[in-house]
Amino acid sequence: MNKPLLLLVALTFCCCIASLHGFAINTCRCRRTAANPIPPRAVMKIEVTPASGHCPRTEIIITVRNGNRICIDPEAKWFPGLLNTLQKGRRPSSMDTLCSW
């Protein structure tokens, strides 16, 4: 191959790779959310992932004692009450492991 053709191929390849970053792949972890309240004694961990380029919505994932992960609707009316109950019932030093904000 001659140099101009090789340079053209290399530039085309670079442009194709750069354009792939423009297509955001939806990598939301929650496909659906649970409607029923979760008892505070069952909660081991709460993860809150804010909306980003990877997922357009805020996601709340609760890990329960048996290891299952449950997605919660951020607008659920019972969720703030669950947080209040957990904050009152646990020592502040354990809150760092309870929530990964």
C-alpha atoms as a PDB file:
ATOM      1  CA  MET A   1       0.000   0.000   0.000  1.00  0.00           C
ATOM      2  CA  ASN A   2       1.158   3.492  -0.631  1.00  0.00           C
ATOM      3  CA  LYS A   3       1.430   6.008   2.206  1.00  0.00           C
ATOM      4  CA  PRO A   4      -1.556   8.264   1.296  1.00  0.00           C
ATOM      5  CA  LEU A   5      -3.911   5.271   1.149  1.00  0.00           C
ATOM      6  CA  LEU A   6      -2.586   3.922   4.452  1.00  0.00           C
ATOM      7  CA  LEU A   7      -3.062   7.355   6.042  1.00  0.00           C
ATOM      8  CA  LEU A   8      -6.635   7.539   4.697  1.00  0.00           C
ATOM      9  CA  VAL A   9      -7.443   4.098   6.136  1.00  0.00           C
ATOM     10  CA  ALA A  10      -5.947   5.053   9.523  1.00  0.00           C
ATOM     11  CA  LEU A  11      -7.928   8.325   9.676  1.00  0.00           C
ATOM     12  CA  THR A  12     -11.139   6.558   8.692  1.00  0.00           C
ATOM     13  CA  PHE A  13     -10.546   3.969  11.408  1.00  0.00           C
ATOM     14  CA  CYS A  14      -9.935   6.704  14.008  1.00  0.00           C
ATOM     15  CA  CYS A  15     -13.109   8.552  12.999  1.00  0.00           C
ATOM     16  CA  CYS A  16     -15.182   5.363  13.258  1.00  0.00           C
ATOM     17  CA  ILE A  17     -13.868   4.625  16.742  1.00  0.00           C
ATOM     18  CA  ALA A  18     -14.450   8.214  17.890  1.00  0.00           C
ATOM     19  CA  SER A  19     -18.038   8.162  16.622  1.00  0.00           C
ATOM     20  CA  LEU A  20     -18.835   5.030  18.652  1.00  0.00           C
ATOM     21  CA  HIS A  21     -18.549   7.059  21.858  1.00  0.00           C
ATOM     22  CA  GLY A  22     -21.391   9.287  20.645  1.00  0.00           C
ATOM     23  CA  PHE A  23     -23.888   6.445  20.882  1.00  0.00           C
ATOM     24  CA  ALA A  24     -24.774   6.037  24.531  1.00  0.00           C
ATOM     25  CA  ILE A  25     -25.589   2.460  25.406  1.00  0.00           C
ATOM     26  CA  ASN A  26     -28.392   2.235  27.927  1.00  0.00           C
ATOM     27  CA  THR A  27     -26.774   0.447  30.840  1.00  0.00           C
ATOM     28  CA  CYS A  28     -29.435   0.998  33.442  1.00  0.00           C
ATOM     29  CA  ARG A  29     -29.304  -1.768  36.004  1.00  0.00           C
ATOM     30  CA  CYS A  30     -33.030  -1.652  36.822  1.00  0.00           C
ATOM     31  CA  ARG A  31     -35.425  -2.958  34.201  1.00  0.00           C
ATOM     32  CA  ARG A  32     -38.414  -2.693  36.550  1.00  0.00           C
ATOM     33  CA  THR A  33     -39.042  -1.504  40.096  1.00  0.00           C
ATOM     34  CA  ALA A  34     -40.760  -3.060  43.101  1.00  0.00           C
ATOM     35  CA  ALA A  35     -43.929  -1.435  44.376  1.00  0.00           C
ATOM     36  CA  ASN A  36     -44.155  -3.116  47.788  1.00  0.00           C
ATOM     37  CA  PRO A  37     -42.364  -1.648  50.802  1.00  0.00           C
ATOM     38  CA  ILE A  38     -39.340  -3.494  52.126  1.00  0.00           C
ATOM     39  CA  PRO A  39     -39.133  -4.110  55.885  1.00  0.00           C
ATOM     40  CA  PRO A  40     -36.228  -2.215  57.492  1.00  0.00           C
ATOM     41  CA  ARG A  41     -34.928  -5.396  59.180  1.00  0.00           C
ATOM     42  CA  ALA A  42     -34.414  -6.999  55.744  1.00  0.00           C
ATOM     43  CA  VAL A  43     -32.207  -4.179  54.371  1.00  0.00           C
ATOM     44  CA  MET A  44     -28.453  -4.772  54.230  1.00  0.00           C
ATOM     45  CA  LYS A  45     -27.386  -2.095  51.755  1.00  0.00           C
ATOM     46  CA  ILE A  46     -28.867   0.779  49.748  1.00  0.00           C
ATOM     47  CA  GLU A  47     -27.241   2.007  46.541  1.00  0.00           C
ATOM     48  CA  VAL A  48     -28.328   5.222  44.850  1.00  0.00           C
ATOM     49  CA  THR A  49     -27.052   5.860  41.337  1.00  0.00           C
ATOM     50  CA  PRO A  50     -27.870   9.327  39.992  1.00  0.00           C
ATOM     51  CA  ALA A  51     -28.925   9.865  36.386  1.00  0.00           C
ATOM     52  CA  SER A  52     -25.957   9.967  34.021  1.00  0.00           C
ATOM     53  CA  GLY A  53     -24.995   9.496  30.407  1.00  0.00           C
ATOM     54  CA  HIS A  54     -25.265   5.749  30.888  1.00  0.00           C
ATOM     55  CA  CYS A  55     -28.731   5.758  32.439  1.00  0.00           C
ATOM     56  CA  PRO A  56     -31.180   8.671  32.168  1.00  0.00           C
ATOM     57  CA  ARG A  57     -32.892   7.994  35.508  1.00  0.00           C
ATOM     58  CA  THR A  58     -31.928   7.782  39.166  1.00  0.00           C
ATOM     59  CA  GLU A  59     -31.747   4.185  40.352  1.00  0.00           C
ATOM     60  CA  ILE A  60     -32.182   2.923  43.905  1.00  0.00           C
ATOM     61  CA  ILE A  61     -31.118  -0.663  44.551  1.00  0.00           C
ATOM     62  CA  ILE A  62     -31.673  -2.313  47.926  1.00  0.00           C
ATOM     63  CA  THR A  63     -29.743  -5.458  48.817  1.00  0.00           C
ATOM     64  CA  VAL A  64     -31.706  -7.560  51.287  1.00  0.00           C
ATOM     65  CA  ARG A  65     -30.366 -10.086  53.810  1.00  0.00           C
ATOM     66  CA  ASN A  66     -30.687 -13.090  51.488  1.00  0.00           C
ATOM     67  CA  GLY A  67     -28.494 -11.306  48.902  1.00  0.00           C
ATOM     68  CA  ASN A  68     -31.260 -10.407  46.447  1.00  0.00           C
ATOM     69  CA  ARG A  69     -31.127  -6.959  44.895  1.00  0.00           C
ATOM     70  CA  ILE A  70     -34.402  -5.070  44.517  1.00  0.00           C
ATOM     71  CA  CYS A  71     -34.842  -1.937  42.408  1.00  0.00           C
ATOM     72  CA  ILE A  72     -36.990   0.740  43.992  1.00  0.00           C
ATOM     73  CA  ASP A  73     -38.868   3.562  42.297  1.00  0.00           C
ATOM     74  CA  PRO A  74     -37.227   6.822  43.465  1.00  0.00           C
ATOM     75  CA  GLU A  75     -40.723   8.345  43.695  1.00  0.00           C
ATOM     76  CA  ALA A  76     -42.058   5.594  46.003  1.00  0.00           C
ATOM     77  CA  LYS A  77     -43.967   7.191  48.880  1.00  0.00           C
ATOM     78  CA  TRP A  78     -42.659   4.652  51.425  1.00  0.00           C
ATOM     79  CA  PHE A  79     -38.940   5.033  50.629  1.00  0.00           C
ATOM     80  CA  PRO A  80     -38.243   8.218  52.693  1.00  0.00           C
ATOM     81  CA  GLY A  81     -39.882   6.525  55.691  1.00  0.00           C
ATOM     82  CA  LEU A  82     -37.609   3.512  55.241  1.00  0.00           C
ATOM     83  CA  LEU A  83     -34.546   5.762  55.193  1.00  0.00           C
ATOM     84  CA  ASN A  84     -35.686   7.580  58.348  1.00  0.00           C
ATOM     85  CA  THR A  85     -36.291   4.292  60.157  1.00  0.00           C
ATOM     86  CA  LEU A  86     -32.872   2.959  59.156  1.00  0.00           C
ATOM     87  CA  GLN A  87     -31.102   6.158  60.207  1.00  0.00           C
ATOM     88  CA  LYS A  88     -32.777   6.163  63.616  1.00  0.00           C
ATOM     89  CA  GLY A  89     -32.176   2.481  64.271  1.00  0.00           C
ATOM     90  CA  ARG A  90     -28.483   2.298  63.407  1.00  0.00           C
ATOM     91  CA  ARG A  91     -25.370   3.925  64.755  1.00  0.00           C
ATOM     92  CA  PRO A  92     -23.917   6.714  62.566  1.00  0.00           C
ATOM     93  CA  SER A  93     -20.681   4.774  62.055  1.00  0.00           C
ATOM     94  CA  SER A  94     -22.591   1.964  60.334  1.00  0.00           C
ATOM     95  CA  MET A  95     -24.341   4.376  57.934  1.00  0.00           C
ATOM     96  CA  ASP A  96     -21.210   4.471  55.792  1.00  0.00           C
ATOM     97  CA  THR A  97     -21.671   0.802  54.950  1.00  0.00           C
ATOM     98  CA  LEU A  98     -25.462   1.047  54.755  1.00  0.00           C
ATOM     99  CA  CYS A  99     -25.648   3.603  51.942  1.00  0.00           C
ATOM    100  CA  SER A 100     -23.276   4.028  49.049  1.00  0.00           C
ATOM    101  CA  TRP A 101     -24.280   7.510  47.965  1.00  0.00           C
END
